[in-house]
Amino acid sequence: MTIRNVALSILDLAPVIEGGTPADSFRDTVALAQHAEQWGYHRYWLAEHHNMQAVASAATSLVIGHVAAHTNKIRVGSGGIMLANHAPLMIAEQFGTLESLYPGRIDLGLGRAPGTDQPAMRALRRGLHSTGEDFPEQLNELRSYFNPALKGGVPGVRAVPGEGLDIPIWLLGSSGFSAQLAGQLGLPFAFASHFAPAHLLQALELYHRNFRPSKALDKPYVMVGVNVVVADSDEEAQWLFTSQEQQFLNVIRGQSGKLKPPVDDMEKLWSEQEREAVRGNMLGYSAIGSPDTVKQKLDFIMNQTRANELITTSHIYDHQARLRSYELLAQVMRTDE
């Protein structure tokens, strides 16, 4: 399998850079989505995170609507909504509203993690001892509001808008739990290999082994997340990528902060153990470099995973460099031989 046979999409966290504001981030998000539509990207997803200074997409449904309103045909959705943070009825109503406003363009990707830390979990009124084991019941309730024949919703309660709408539901995960559930339900599955690649191949095997055809899918459909930075040279791309490496270094240190400018030498900022945790573990599924280098890395990932779709993410400090990276990536995909 080559990358030319694969759908290409974008996952955006609406990054807030040092010296910038969320309002700036939303303008940049719209500009990237509009360019992505012109360059042939398949879908544009936004992710729910809370209490993170560098992420502006916390009110995910609102940002999805904003992006959909400023584009014409690209699919827009969540990668994902953290269902445990919400009442299933409210998500059904929100995405029923989005689908009614932008018919045939909305995706609902769902995760079971909190997407935040313990203080924010308290603020979200989520039980601190929740393990996500009730996710299948929440999912069934949500799906029942779209399709009452599934009989999982609260009796006498209907989602308006929402009921009767055919909104693609994806399960997202970084372990085998959601992979197995997605397979059993016959739903498309997206793996968060852009930050947690350790169990990727095991989860994909579990998904394929457990897959049962459904009304949604007659055969498995897999999306994998990849960090991608493309520039004119390997050196420039690696330099741009240091912004994302600094962000993940903050994560493992339990620190917060906006997205930092690139640095010339990451070795001055982290220990050997921290470098391995970030580069070797969290960001192991990355394609960083010139167009030729990125093509080789993506070909390897495709041959390893046999994915149907790649969803790419990049935390690049400079907006124009971020646009250039995605433009070059689109060219890589089109010129593959």
C-alpha atoms as a PDB file:
ATOM      1  CA  MET A   1       0.000   0.000   0.000  1.00  0.00           C
ATOM      2  CA  THR A   2       1.266   3.494  -0.849  1.00  0.00           C
ATOM      3  CA  ILE A   3       0.234   6.825   0.582  1.00  0.00           C
ATOM      4  CA  ARG A   4      -1.467   7.798  -2.660  1.00  0.00           C
ATOM      5  CA  ASN A   5      -4.211   5.259  -1.921  1.00  0.00           C
ATOM      6  CA  VAL A   6      -4.946   6.757   1.496  1.00  0.00           C
ATOM      7  CA  ALA A   7      -7.296   9.531   2.589  1.00  0.00           C
ATOM      8  CA  LEU A   8      -5.463  12.419   4.262  1.00  0.00           C
ATOM      9  CA  SER A   9      -6.974  14.487   7.064  1.00  0.00           C
ATOM     10  CA  ILE A  10      -6.019  17.039   9.731  1.00  0.00           C
ATOM     11  CA  LEU A  11      -6.399  17.030  13.508  1.00  0.00           C
ATOM     12  CA  ASP A  12      -6.245  20.542  14.943  1.00  0.00           C
ATOM     13  CA  LEU A  13      -6.083  21.569  18.615  1.00  0.00           C
ATOM     14  CA  ALA A  14      -6.246  25.273  17.718  1.00  0.00           C
ATOM     15  CA  PRO A  15      -2.812  25.856  19.323  1.00  0.00           C
ATOM     16  CA  VAL A  16      -2.295  29.055  21.286  1.00  0.00           C
ATOM     17  CA  ILE A  17       1.234  30.352  20.808  1.00  0.00           C
ATOM     18  CA  GLU A  18       3.308  32.479  23.162  1.00  0.00           C
ATOM     19  CA  GLY A  19       2.305  36.066  22.470  1.00  0.00           C
ATOM     20  CA  GLY A  20      -0.995  34.958  20.956  1.00  0.00           C
ATOM     21  CA  THR A  21      -4.608  34.613  22.077  1.00  0.00           C
ATOM     22  CA  PRO A  22      -7.369  32.064  21.464  1.00  0.00           C
ATOM     23  CA  ALA A  23      -8.935  34.575  19.066  1.00  0.00           C
ATOM     24  CA  ASP A  24      -5.716  34.433  17.006  1.00  0.00           C
ATOM     25  CA  SER A  25      -5.831  30.642  17.129  1.00  0.00           C
ATOM     26  CA  PHE A  26      -9.373  30.503  15.775  1.00  0.00           C
ATOM     27  CA  ARG A  27      -8.438  32.787  12.875  1.00  0.00           C
ATOM     28  CA  ASP A  28      -5.502  30.532  12.072  1.00  0.00           C
ATOM     29  CA  THR A  29      -7.706  27.434  12.355  1.00  0.00           C
ATOM     30  CA  VAL A  30     -10.171  28.811   9.830  1.00  0.00           C
ATOM     31  CA  ALA A  31      -7.362  29.792   7.464  1.00  0.00           C
ATOM     32  CA  LEU A  32      -5.810  26.308   7.699  1.00  0.00           C
ATOM     33  CA  ALA A  33      -9.170  24.604   7.143  1.00  0.00           C
ATOM     34  CA  GLN A  34      -9.871  26.733   4.076  1.00  0.00           C
ATOM     35  CA  HIS A  35      -6.456  25.933   2.619  1.00  0.00           C
ATOM     36  CA  ALA A  36      -6.852  22.247   3.503  1.00  0.00           C
ATOM     37  CA  GLU A  37     -10.099  22.179   1.553  1.00  0.00           C
ATOM     38  CA  GLN A  38      -8.347  23.649  -1.494  1.00  0.00           C
ATOM     39  CA  TRP A  39      -5.454  21.191  -1.157  1.00  0.00           C
ATOM     40  CA  GLY A  40      -7.741  18.151  -1.114  1.00  0.00           C
ATOM     41  CA  TYR A  41      -7.722  17.092   2.531  1.00  0.00           C
ATOM     42  CA  HIS A  42     -10.604  14.786   3.404  1.00  0.00           C
ATOM     43  CA  ARG A  43     -11.628  15.926   6.880  1.00  0.00           C
ATOM     44  CA  TYR A  44     -10.734  18.492   9.509  1.00  0.00           C
ATOM     45  CA  TRP A  45     -11.154  17.403  13.108  1.00  0.00           C
ATOM     46  CA  LEU A  46     -10.846  19.323  16.361  1.00  0.00           C
ATOM     47  CA  ALA A  47     -10.069  17.865  19.775  1.00  0.00           C
ATOM     48  CA  GLU A  48     -11.570  18.424  23.213  1.00  0.00           C
ATOM     49  CA  HIS A  49      -9.024  19.295  25.902  1.00  0.00           C
ATOM     50  CA  HIS A  50      -9.500  21.360  29.051  1.00  0.00           C
ATOM     51  CA  ASN A  51      -7.258  23.425  31.308  1.00  0.00           C
ATOM     52  CA  MET A  52      -4.454  23.599  28.744  1.00  0.00           C
ATOM     53  CA  GLN A  53      -3.060  27.029  27.923  1.00  0.00           C
ATOM     54  CA  ALA A  54      -1.858  25.884  24.503  1.00  0.00           C
ATOM     55  CA  VAL A  55      -5.186  24.408  23.350  1.00  0.00           C
ATOM     56  CA  ALA A  56      -8.128  26.617  22.358  1.00  0.00           C
ATOM     57  CA  SER A  57     -10.546  23.898  21.169  1.00  0.00           C
ATOM     58  CA  ALA A  58     -12.152  23.150  24.556  1.00  0.00           C
ATOM     59  CA  ALA A  59     -15.673  24.069  23.356  1.00  0.00           C
ATOM     60  CA  THR A  60     -15.228  21.644  20.501  1.00  0.00           C
ATOM     61  CA  SER A  61     -18.742  21.709  19.051  1.00  0.00           C
ATOM     62  CA  LEU A  62     -18.621  25.495  18.765  1.00  0.00           C
ATOM     63  CA  VAL A  63     -15.296  25.459  16.926  1.00  0.00           C
ATOM     64  CA  ILE A  64     -16.543  22.716  14.586  1.00  0.00           C
ATOM     65  CA  GLY A  65     -19.496  24.928  13.675  1.00  0.00           C
ATOM     66  CA  HIS A  66     -17.201  27.902  13.136  1.00  0.00           C
ATOM     67  CA  VAL A  67     -14.945  25.920  10.791  1.00  0.00           C
ATOM     68  CA  ALA A  68     -17.880  24.384   8.913  1.00  0.00           C
ATOM     69  CA  ALA A  69     -19.378  27.850   8.429  1.00  0.00           C
ATOM     70  CA  HIS A  70     -16.185  29.090   6.781  1.00  0.00           C
ATOM     71  CA  THR A  71     -15.629  26.097   4.480  1.00  0.00           C
ATOM     72  CA  ASN A  72     -17.748  24.504   1.781  1.00  0.00           C
ATOM     73  CA  LYS A  73     -17.180  20.766   1.388  1.00  0.00           C
ATOM     74  CA  ILE A  74     -14.471  19.390   3.675  1.00  0.00           C
ATOM     75  CA  ARG A  75     -15.813  17.115   6.411  1.00  0.00           C
ATOM     76  CA  VAL A  76     -15.548  18.661   9.881  1.00  0.00           C
ATOM     77  CA  GLY A  77     -15.774  16.827  13.164  1.00  0.00           C
ATOM     78  CA  SER A  78     -14.429  15.912  16.562  1.00  0.00           C
ATOM     79  CA  GLY A  79     -11.265  14.020  17.223  1.00  0.00           C
ATOM     80  CA  GLY A  80     -12.742  13.703  19.669  1.00  0.00           C
ATOM     81  CA  ILE A  81     -15.513  14.582  22.030  1.00  0.00           C
ATOM     82  CA  MET A  82     -14.704  13.105  25.460  1.00  0.00           C
ATOM     83  CA  LEU A  83     -18.084  11.541  26.111  1.00  0.00           C
ATOM     84  CA  ALA A  84     -17.615  11.045  29.843  1.00  0.00           C
ATOM     85  CA  ASN A  85     -17.486  14.844  30.263  1.00  0.00           C
ATOM     86  CA  HIS A  86     -20.984  15.287  28.825  1.00  0.00           C
ATOM     87  CA  ALA A  87     -24.554  14.091  28.992  1.00  0.00           C
ATOM     88  CA  PRO A  88     -25.117  11.953  25.880  1.00  0.00           C
ATOM     89  CA  LEU A  89     -28.336  13.850  25.141  1.00  0.00           C
ATOM     90  CA  MET A  90     -26.472  17.153  24.922  1.00  0.00           C
ATOM     91  CA  ILE A  91     -23.918  15.715  22.473  1.00  0.00           C
ATOM     92  CA  ALA A  92     -26.745  14.287  20.376  1.00  0.00           C
ATOM     93  CA  GLU A  93     -28.412  17.699  20.296  1.00  0.00           C
ATOM     94  CA  GLN A  94     -25.180  19.554  19.539  1.00  0.00           C
ATOM     95  CA  PHE A  95     -24.177  17.288  16.682  1.00  0.00           C
ATOM     96  CA  GLY A  96     -27.756  17.047  15.493  1.00  0.00           C
ATOM     97  CA  THR A  97     -27.648  20.832  15.243  1.00  0.00           C
ATOM     98  CA  LEU A  98     -24.330  20.770  13.392  1.00  0.00           C
ATOM     99  CA  GLU A  99     -25.554  18.121  10.942  1.00  0.00           C
ATOM    100  CA  SER A 100     -28.758  20.094  10.353  1.00  0.00           C
ATOM    101  CA  LEU A 101     -26.762  23.229   9.605  1.00  0.00           C
ATOM    102  CA  TYR A 102     -24.064  21.528   7.511  1.00  0.00           C
ATOM    103  CA  PRO A 103     -25.690  18.350   6.157  1.00  0.00           C
ATOM    104  CA  GLY A 104     -23.435  15.517   5.080  1.00  0.00           C
ATOM    105  CA  ARG A 105     -20.270  17.122   6.444  1.00  0.00           C
ATOM    106  CA  ILE A 106     -20.187  16.348  10.178  1.00  0.00           C
ATOM    107  CA  ASP A 107     -18.276  13.542  11.943  1.00  0.00           C
ATOM    108  CA  LEU A 108     -18.665  12.592  15.605  1.00  0.00           C
ATOM    109  CA  GLY A 109     -15.472  11.063  16.966  1.00  0.00           C
ATOM    110  CA  LEU A 110     -15.728   9.900  20.576  1.00  0.00           C
ATOM    111  CA  GLY A 111     -13.142   9.166  23.249  1.00  0.00           C
ATOM    112  CA  ARG A 112     -13.502   7.861  26.782  1.00  0.00           C
ATOM    113  CA  ALA A 113     -10.566   9.681  28.431  1.00  0.00           C
ATOM    114  CA  PRO A 114     -11.165  12.970  30.279  1.00  0.00           C
ATOM    115  CA  GLY A 115      -8.851  15.026  28.078  1.00  0.00           C
ATOM    116  CA  THR A 116      -7.706  16.976  31.102  1.00  0.00           C
ATOM    117  CA  ASP A 117      -6.249  16.828  34.622  1.00  0.00           C
ATOM    118  CA  GLN A 118      -7.867  16.127  37.984  1.00  0.00           C
ATOM    119  CA  PRO A 119      -8.679  19.749  38.934  1.00  0.00           C
ATOM    120  CA  ALA A 120     -10.478  20.242  35.626  1.00  0.00           C
ATOM    121  CA  MET A 121     -12.245  16.906  36.079  1.00  0.00           C
ATOM    122  CA  ARG A 122     -13.670  18.288  39.319  1.00  0.00           C
ATOM    123  CA  ALA A 123     -14.683  21.466  37.533  1.00  0.00           C
ATOM    124  CA  LEU A 124     -16.410  19.370  34.867  1.00  0.00           C
ATOM    125  CA  ARG A 125     -18.269  17.533  37.661  1.00  0.00           C
ATOM    126  CA  ARG A 126     -16.770  14.252  36.512  1.00  0.00           C
ATOM    127  CA  GLY A 127     -16.221  11.597  39.181  1.00  0.00           C
ATOM    128  CA  LEU A 128     -12.520  11.300  39.959  1.00  0.00           C
ATOM    129  CA  HIS A 129     -12.774   7.533  40.290  1.00  0.00           C
ATOM    130  CA  SER A 130     -14.315   7.049  36.866  1.00  0.00           C
ATOM    131  CA  THR A 131     -12.364   4.505  34.811  1.00  0.00           C
ATOM    132  CA  GLY A 132     -14.294   4.896  31.574  1.00  0.00           C
ATOM    133  CA  GLU A 133     -15.831   1.452  31.952  1.00  0.00           C
ATOM    134  CA  ASP A 134     -19.300   2.962  31.528  1.00  0.00           C
ATOM    135  CA  PHE A 135     -18.333   4.268  28.086  1.00  0.00           C
ATOM    136  CA  PRO A 136     -20.222   1.479  26.238  1.00  0.00           C
ATOM    137  CA  GLU A 137     -23.436   2.388  28.060  1.00  0.00           C
ATOM    138  CA  GLN A 138     -22.949   6.100  27.383  1.00  0.00           C
ATOM    139  CA  LEU A 139     -22.239   5.332  23.736  1.00  0.00           C
ATOM    140  CA  ASN A 140     -25.364   3.214  23.438  1.00  0.00           C
ATOM    141  CA  GLU A 141     -27.460   5.974  24.973  1.00  0.00           C
ATOM    142  CA  LEU A 142     -25.992   8.541  22.576  1.00  0.00           C
ATOM    143  CA  ARG A 143     -26.534   6.343  19.520  1.00  0.00           C
ATOM    144  CA  SER A 144     -30.113   5.686  20.629  1.00  0.00           C
ATOM    145  CA  TYR A 145     -30.937   9.382  20.503  1.00  0.00           C
ATOM    146  CA  PHE A 146     -30.009   9.336  16.813  1.00  0.00           C
ATOM    147  CA  ASN A 147     -31.713   5.971  16.242  1.00  0.00           C
ATOM    148  CA  PRO A 148     -34.456   5.190  18.816  1.00  0.00           C
ATOM    149  CA  ALA A 149     -34.648   1.594  17.541  1.00  0.00           C
ATOM    150  CA  LEU A 150     -31.439   0.909  19.515  1.00  0.00           C
ATOM    151  CA  LYS A 151     -33.459   1.470  22.742  1.00  0.00           C
ATOM    152  CA  GLY A 152     -30.659   2.797  24.916  1.00  0.00           C
ATOM    153  CA  GLY A 153     -31.905   6.306  25.631  1.00  0.00           C
ATOM    154  CA  VAL A 154     -33.926   7.602  28.541  1.00  0.00           C
ATOM    155  CA  PRO A 155     -37.595   6.662  27.948  1.00  0.00           C
ATOM    156  CA  GLY A 156     -39.674   9.611  26.795  1.00  0.00           C
ATOM    157  CA  VAL A 157     -36.632  11.718  25.834  1.00  0.00           C
ATOM    158  CA  ARG A 158     -35.888  12.616  22.222  1.00  0.00           C
ATOM    159  CA  ALA A 159     -32.983  14.545  20.703  1.00  0.00           C
ATOM    160  CA  VAL A 160     -34.323  17.460  18.683  1.00  0.00           C
ATOM    161  CA  PRO A 161     -32.406  18.062  16.504  1.00  0.00           C
ATOM    162  CA  GLY A 162     -30.595  14.759  16.254  1.00  0.00           C
ATOM    163  CA  GLU A 163     -33.165  11.994  15.991  1.00  0.00           C
ATOM    164  CA  GLY A 164     -33.162  10.328  12.589  1.00  0.00           C
ATOM    165  CA  LEU A 165     -29.937  11.936  11.404  1.00  0.00           C
ATOM    166  CA  ASP A 166     -27.184   9.755   9.968  1.00  0.00           C
ATOM    167  CA  ILE A 167     -24.035  11.178  11.582  1.00  0.00           C
ATOM    168  CA  PRO A 168     -20.927   8.979  11.261  1.00  0.00           C
ATOM    169  CA  ILE A 169     -19.725   7.928  14.712  1.00  0.00           C
ATOM    170  CA  TRP A 170     -16.067   7.051  15.198  1.00  0.00           C
ATOM    171  CA  LEU A 171     -14.436   5.519  18.258  1.00  0.00           C
ATOM    172  CA  LEU A 172     -11.047   6.913  19.223  1.00  0.00           C
ATOM    173  CA  GLY A 173      -8.534   5.241  21.455  1.00  0.00           C
ATOM    174  CA  SER A 174      -4.956   4.644  22.534  1.00  0.00           C
ATOM    175  CA  SER A 175      -5.437   1.081  23.804  1.00  0.00           C
ATOM    176  CA  GLY A 176      -7.390  -2.060  23.010  1.00  0.00           C
ATOM    177  CA  PHE A 177     -10.606  -1.096  24.810  1.00  0.00           C
ATOM    178  CA  SER A 178     -12.111   1.167  22.155  1.00  0.00           C
ATOM    179  CA  ALA A 179     -10.535  -0.906  19.370  1.00  0.00           C
ATOM    180  CA  GLN A 180     -12.409  -4.016  20.450  1.00  0.00           C
ATOM    181  CA  LEU A 181     -15.643  -2.102  21.049  1.00  0.00           C
ATOM    182  CA  ALA A 182     -15.454  -0.381  17.648  1.00  0.00           C
ATOM    183  CA  GLY A 183     -14.946  -3.751  15.998  1.00  0.00           C
ATOM    184  CA  GLN A 184     -17.863  -5.359  17.795  1.00  0.00           C
ATOM    185  CA  LEU A 185     -20.171  -2.473  16.858  1.00  0.00           C
ATOM    186  CA  GLY A 186     -18.935  -2.231  13.268  1.00  0.00           C
ATOM    187  CA  LEU A 187     -17.790   1.390  13.644  1.00  0.00           C
ATOM    188  CA  PRO A 188     -14.731   3.109  12.185  1.00  0.00           C
ATOM    189  CA  PHE A 189     -11.767   3.302  14.551  1.00  0.00           C
ATOM    190  CA  ALA A 190      -9.088   5.980  14.973  1.00  0.00           C
ATOM    191  CA  PHE A 191      -5.949   5.323  17.012  1.00  0.00           C
ATOM    192  CA  ALA A 192      -4.129   8.133  18.820  1.00  0.00           C
ATOM    193  CA  SER A 193      -0.682   7.086  17.618  1.00  0.00           C
ATOM    194  CA  HIS A 194       0.348  10.742  17.351  1.00  0.00           C
ATOM    195  CA  PHE A 195       0.910  10.796  21.118  1.00  0.00           C
ATOM    196  CA  ALA A 196       0.491   7.192  22.366  1.00  0.00           C
ATOM    197  CA  PRO A 197       1.834   4.784  19.734  1.00  0.00           C
ATOM    198  CA  ALA A 198       2.896   1.931  22.026  1.00  0.00           C
ATOM    199  CA  HIS A 199      -0.198  -0.239  21.563  1.00  0.00           C
ATOM    200  CA  LEU A 200      -1.054   0.769  17.988  1.00  0.00           C
ATOM    201  CA  LEU A 201      -0.447  -2.485  16.144  1.00  0.00           C
ATOM    202  CA  GLN A 202      -1.974  -4.588  18.906  1.00  0.00           C
ATOM    203  CA  ALA A 203      -5.114  -2.412  18.895  1.00  0.00           C
ATOM    204  CA  LEU A 204      -5.462  -2.563  15.112  1.00  0.00           C
ATOM    205  CA  GLU A 205      -5.193  -6.353  15.177  1.00  0.00           C
ATOM    206  CA  LEU A 206      -7.834  -6.454  17.917  1.00  0.00           C
ATOM    207  CA  TYR A 207     -10.142  -4.196  15.901  1.00  0.00           C
ATOM    208  CA  HIS A 208      -9.862  -6.315  12.759  1.00  0.00           C
ATOM    209  CA  ARG A 209     -10.288  -9.569  14.673  1.00  0.00           C
ATOM    210  CA  ASN A 210     -13.441  -8.368  16.429  1.00  0.00           C
ATOM    211  CA  PHE A 211     -15.010  -6.535  13.498  1.00  0.00           C
ATOM    212  CA  ARG A 212     -18.629  -7.329  12.700  1.00  0.00           C
ATOM    213  CA  PRO A 213     -20.288  -5.726   9.661  1.00  0.00           C
ATOM    214  CA  SER A 214     -22.944  -3.155  10.527  1.00  0.00           C
ATOM    215  CA  LYS A 215     -25.210  -0.594   8.947  1.00  0.00           C
ATOM    216  CA  ALA A 216     -22.346   1.885   9.297  1.00  0.00           C
ATOM    217  CA  LEU A 217     -19.595  -0.298   7.754  1.00  0.00           C
ATOM    218  CA  ASP A 218     -19.409  -3.526   5.821  1.00  0.00           C
ATOM    219  CA  LYS A 219     -15.659  -3.875   6.416  1.00  0.00           C
ATOM    220  CA  PRO A 220     -13.117  -2.388   8.850  1.00  0.00           C
ATOM    221  CA  TYR A 221     -11.987   1.207   8.465  1.00  0.00           C
ATOM    222  CA  VAL A 222      -8.923   2.449  10.344  1.00  0.00           C
ATOM    223  CA  MET A 223      -7.426   5.889  10.797  1.00  0.00           C
ATOM    224  CA  VAL A 224      -4.051   6.438  12.462  1.00  0.00           C
ATOM    225  CA  GLY A 225      -2.691   9.666  13.881  1.00  0.00           C
ATOM    226  CA  VAL A 226       0.724  10.926  12.782  1.00  0.00           C
ATOM    227  CA  ASN A 227       2.716  14.028  13.671  1.00  0.00           C
ATOM    228  CA  VAL A 228       3.882  15.585  10.416  1.00  0.00           C
ATOM    229  CA  VAL A 229       6.117  18.572   9.761  1.00  0.00           C
ATOM    230  CA  VAL A 230       7.279  19.140   6.195  1.00  0.00           C
ATOM    231  CA  ALA A 231       9.761  21.833   5.192  1.00  0.00           C
ATOM    232  CA  ASP A 232      12.243  22.437   2.396  1.00  0.00           C
ATOM    233  CA  SER A 233      14.959  20.595   4.343  1.00  0.00           C
ATOM    234  CA  ASP A 234      15.180  17.987   7.092  1.00  0.00           C
ATOM    235  CA  GLU A 235      16.998  20.481   9.285  1.00  0.00           C
ATOM    236  CA  GLU A 236      14.296  23.142   9.004  1.00  0.00           C
ATOM    237  CA  ALA A 237      11.527  20.624   9.712  1.00  0.00           C
ATOM    238  CA  GLN A 238      13.341  19.279  12.788  1.00  0.00           C
ATOM    239  CA  TRP A 239      13.809  22.851  14.014  1.00  0.00           C
ATOM    240  CA  LEU A 240      10.104  23.616  13.578  1.00  0.00           C
ATOM    241  CA  PHE A 241       9.234  20.379  15.380  1.00  0.00           C
ATOM    242  CA  THR A 242      11.026  21.525  18.543  1.00  0.00           C
ATOM    243  CA  SER A 243       7.948  23.587  19.426  1.00  0.00           C
ATOM    244  CA  GLN A 244       5.926  20.385  19.681  1.00  0.00           C
ATOM    245  CA  GLU A 245       8.732  18.619  21.550  1.00  0.00           C
ATOM    246  CA  GLN A 246       8.770  21.433  24.104  1.00  0.00           C
ATOM    247  CA  GLN A 247       5.008  21.099  24.491  1.00  0.00           C
ATOM    248  CA  PHE A 248       5.243  17.383  25.226  1.00  0.00           C
ATOM    249  CA  LEU A 249       8.172  17.998  27.568  1.00  0.00           C
ATOM    250  CA  ASN A 250       5.818  20.233  29.547  1.00  0.00           C
ATOM    251  CA  VAL A 251       3.270  17.402  29.627  1.00  0.00           C
ATOM    252  CA  ILE A 252       5.632  14.877  31.193  1.00  0.00           C
ATOM    253  CA  ARG A 253       6.822  17.505  33.676  1.00  0.00           C
ATOM    254  CA  GLY A 254       3.240  18.320  34.673  1.00  0.00           C
ATOM    255  CA  GLN A 255       3.652  21.902  33.498  1.00  0.00           C
ATOM    256  CA  SER A 256       1.459  24.118  31.371  1.00  0.00           C
ATOM    257  CA  GLY A 257       2.108  26.922  28.961  1.00  0.00           C
ATOM    258  CA  LYS A 258       1.469  28.215  25.479  1.00  0.00           C
ATOM    259  CA  LEU A 259       3.204  26.828  22.394  1.00  0.00           C
ATOM    260  CA  LYS A 260       6.814  28.036  22.384  1.00  0.00           C
ATOM    261  CA  PRO A 261       8.971  29.171  19.445  1.00  0.00           C
ATOM    262  CA  PRO A 262      11.444  26.649  18.019  1.00  0.00           C
ATOM    263  CA  VAL A 263      14.866  26.278  19.626  1.00  0.00           C
ATOM    264  CA  ASP A 264      18.217  25.388  18.118  1.00  0.00           C
ATOM    265  CA  ASP A 265      19.139  22.710  20.662  1.00  0.00           C
ATOM    266  CA  MET A 266      16.636  20.601  22.623  1.00  0.00           C
ATOM    267  CA  GLU A 267      19.515  18.885  24.447  1.00  0.00           C
ATOM    268  CA  LYS A 268      19.848  21.980  26.619  1.00  0.00           C
ATOM    269  CA  LEU A 269      16.241  21.646  27.745  1.00  0.00           C
ATOM    270  CA  TRP A 270      15.727  17.997  28.626  1.00  0.00           C
ATOM    271  CA  SER A 271      17.431  15.083  30.278  1.00  0.00           C
ATOM    272  CA  GLU A 272      18.233  11.834  28.473  1.00  0.00           C
ATOM    273  CA  GLN A 273      15.249  10.164  30.123  1.00  0.00           C
ATOM    274  CA  GLU A 274      12.935  13.010  29.138  1.00  0.00           C
ATOM    275  CA  ARG A 275      14.196  12.889  25.567  1.00  0.00           C
ATOM    276  CA  GLU A 276      13.416   9.178  25.353  1.00  0.00           C
ATOM    277  CA  ALA A 277       9.979   9.699  26.902  1.00  0.00           C
ATOM    278  CA  VAL A 278       9.097  12.394  24.358  1.00  0.00           C
ATOM    279  CA  ARG A 279      10.863  11.288  21.174  1.00  0.00           C
ATOM    280  CA  GLY A 280      10.956   7.554  21.713  1.00  0.00           C
ATOM    281  CA  ASN A 281       7.557   7.037  23.305  1.00  0.00           C
ATOM    282  CA  MET A 282       5.046   9.872  22.937  1.00  0.00           C
ATOM    283  CA  LEU A 283       6.149  11.221  19.539  1.00  0.00           C
ATOM    284  CA  GLY A 284       7.423   7.983  18.057  1.00  0.00           C
ATOM    285  CA  TYR A 285       4.880   8.092  15.203  1.00  0.00           C
ATOM    286  CA  SER A 286       6.135  11.206  13.465  1.00  0.00           C
ATOM    287  CA  ALA A 287       7.163  12.092   9.924  1.00  0.00           C
ATOM    288  CA  ILE A 288       9.457  15.107  10.119  1.00  0.00           C
ATOM    289  CA  GLY A 289      11.618  16.366   7.279  1.00  0.00           C
ATOM    290  CA  SER A 290      11.794  17.313   3.637  1.00  0.00           C
ATOM    291  CA  PRO A 291       9.110  16.042   1.237  1.00  0.00           C
ATOM    292  CA  ASP A 292      11.252  13.037   0.286  1.00  0.00           C
ATOM    293  CA  THR A 293      11.959  12.154   3.923  1.00  0.00           C
ATOM    294  CA  VAL A 294       8.314  12.493   4.927  1.00  0.00           C
ATOM    295  CA  LYS A 295       7.186  10.357   2.008  1.00  0.00           C
ATOM    296  CA  GLN A 296       9.525   7.557   3.051  1.00  0.00           C
ATOM    297  CA  LYS A 297       8.330   7.705   6.638  1.00  0.00           C
ATOM    298  CA  LEU A 298       4.658   7.745   5.678  1.00  0.00           C
ATOM    299  CA  ASP A 299       5.170   4.839   3.284  1.00  0.00           C
ATOM    300  CA  PHE A 300       6.696   2.878   6.163  1.00  0.00           C
ATOM    301  CA  ILE A 301       3.761   3.725   8.434  1.00  0.00           C
ATOM    302  CA  MET A 302       1.256   2.707   5.776  1.00  0.00           C
ATOM    303  CA  ASN A 303       3.010  -0.595   5.104  1.00  0.00           C
ATOM    304  CA  GLN A 304       3.122  -1.284   8.832  1.00  0.00           C
ATOM    305  CA  THR A 305      -0.479  -0.365   9.696  1.00  0.00           C
ATOM    306  CA  ARG A 306      -2.405  -0.852   6.404  1.00  0.00           C
ATOM    307  CA  ALA A 307      -4.521   2.114   7.522  1.00  0.00           C
ATOM    308  CA  ASN A 308      -7.324   3.475   5.367  1.00  0.00           C
ATOM    309  CA  GLU A 309      -6.664   7.049   6.405  1.00  0.00           C
ATOM    310  CA  LEU A 310      -3.976   9.194   8.001  1.00  0.00           C
ATOM    311  CA  ILE A 311      -4.950  12.054  10.290  1.00  0.00           C
ATOM    312  CA  THR A 312      -2.025  14.408  10.681  1.00  0.00           C
ATOM    313  CA  THR A 313      -1.308  16.958  13.350  1.00  0.00           C
ATOM    314  CA  SER A 314       1.380  19.588  13.731  1.00  0.00           C
ATOM    315  CA  HIS A 315       2.142  22.100  16.449  1.00  0.00           C
ATOM    316  CA  ILE A 316       4.137  24.656  14.493  1.00  0.00           C
ATOM    317  CA  TYR A 317       4.705  28.055  16.078  1.00  0.00           C
ATOM    318  CA  ASP A 318       4.687  30.118  12.896  1.00  0.00           C
ATOM    319  CA  HIS A 319       1.336  30.053  11.097  1.00  0.00           C
ATOM    320  CA  GLN A 320       2.820  30.514   7.629  1.00  0.00           C
ATOM    321  CA  ALA A 321       5.258  27.659   8.228  1.00  0.00           C
ATOM    322  CA  ARG A 322       2.321  25.503   9.349  1.00  0.00           C
ATOM    323  CA  LEU A 323       0.410  26.298   6.168  1.00  0.00           C
ATOM    324  CA  ARG A 324       3.506  25.557   4.097  1.00  0.00           C
ATOM    325  CA  SER A 325       3.957  22.215   5.853  1.00  0.00           C
ATOM    326  CA  TYR A 326       0.422  21.090   5.026  1.00  0.00           C
ATOM    327  CA  GLU A 327       0.735  22.352   1.446  1.00  0.00           C
ATOM    328  CA  LEU A 328       3.928  20.340   0.966  1.00  0.00           C
ATOM    329  CA  LEU A 329       2.290  17.290   2.542  1.00  0.00           C
ATOM    330  CA  ALA A 330      -0.600  17.503   0.083  1.00  0.00           C
ATOM    331  CA  GLN A 331       1.928  17.637  -2.759  1.00  0.00           C
ATOM    332  CA  VAL A 332       3.715  14.591  -1.371  1.00  0.00           C
ATOM    333  CA  MET A 333       0.455  12.648  -1.398  1.00  0.00           C
ATOM    334  CA  ARG A 334      -0.418  13.716  -4.971  1.00  0.00           C
ATOM    335  CA  THR A 335       2.986  13.015  -6.483  1.00  0.00           C
ATOM    336  CA  ASP A 336       3.472   9.574  -4.976  1.00  0.00           C
ATOM    337  CA  GLU A 337       4.513   6.979  -7.531  1.00  0.00           C
END
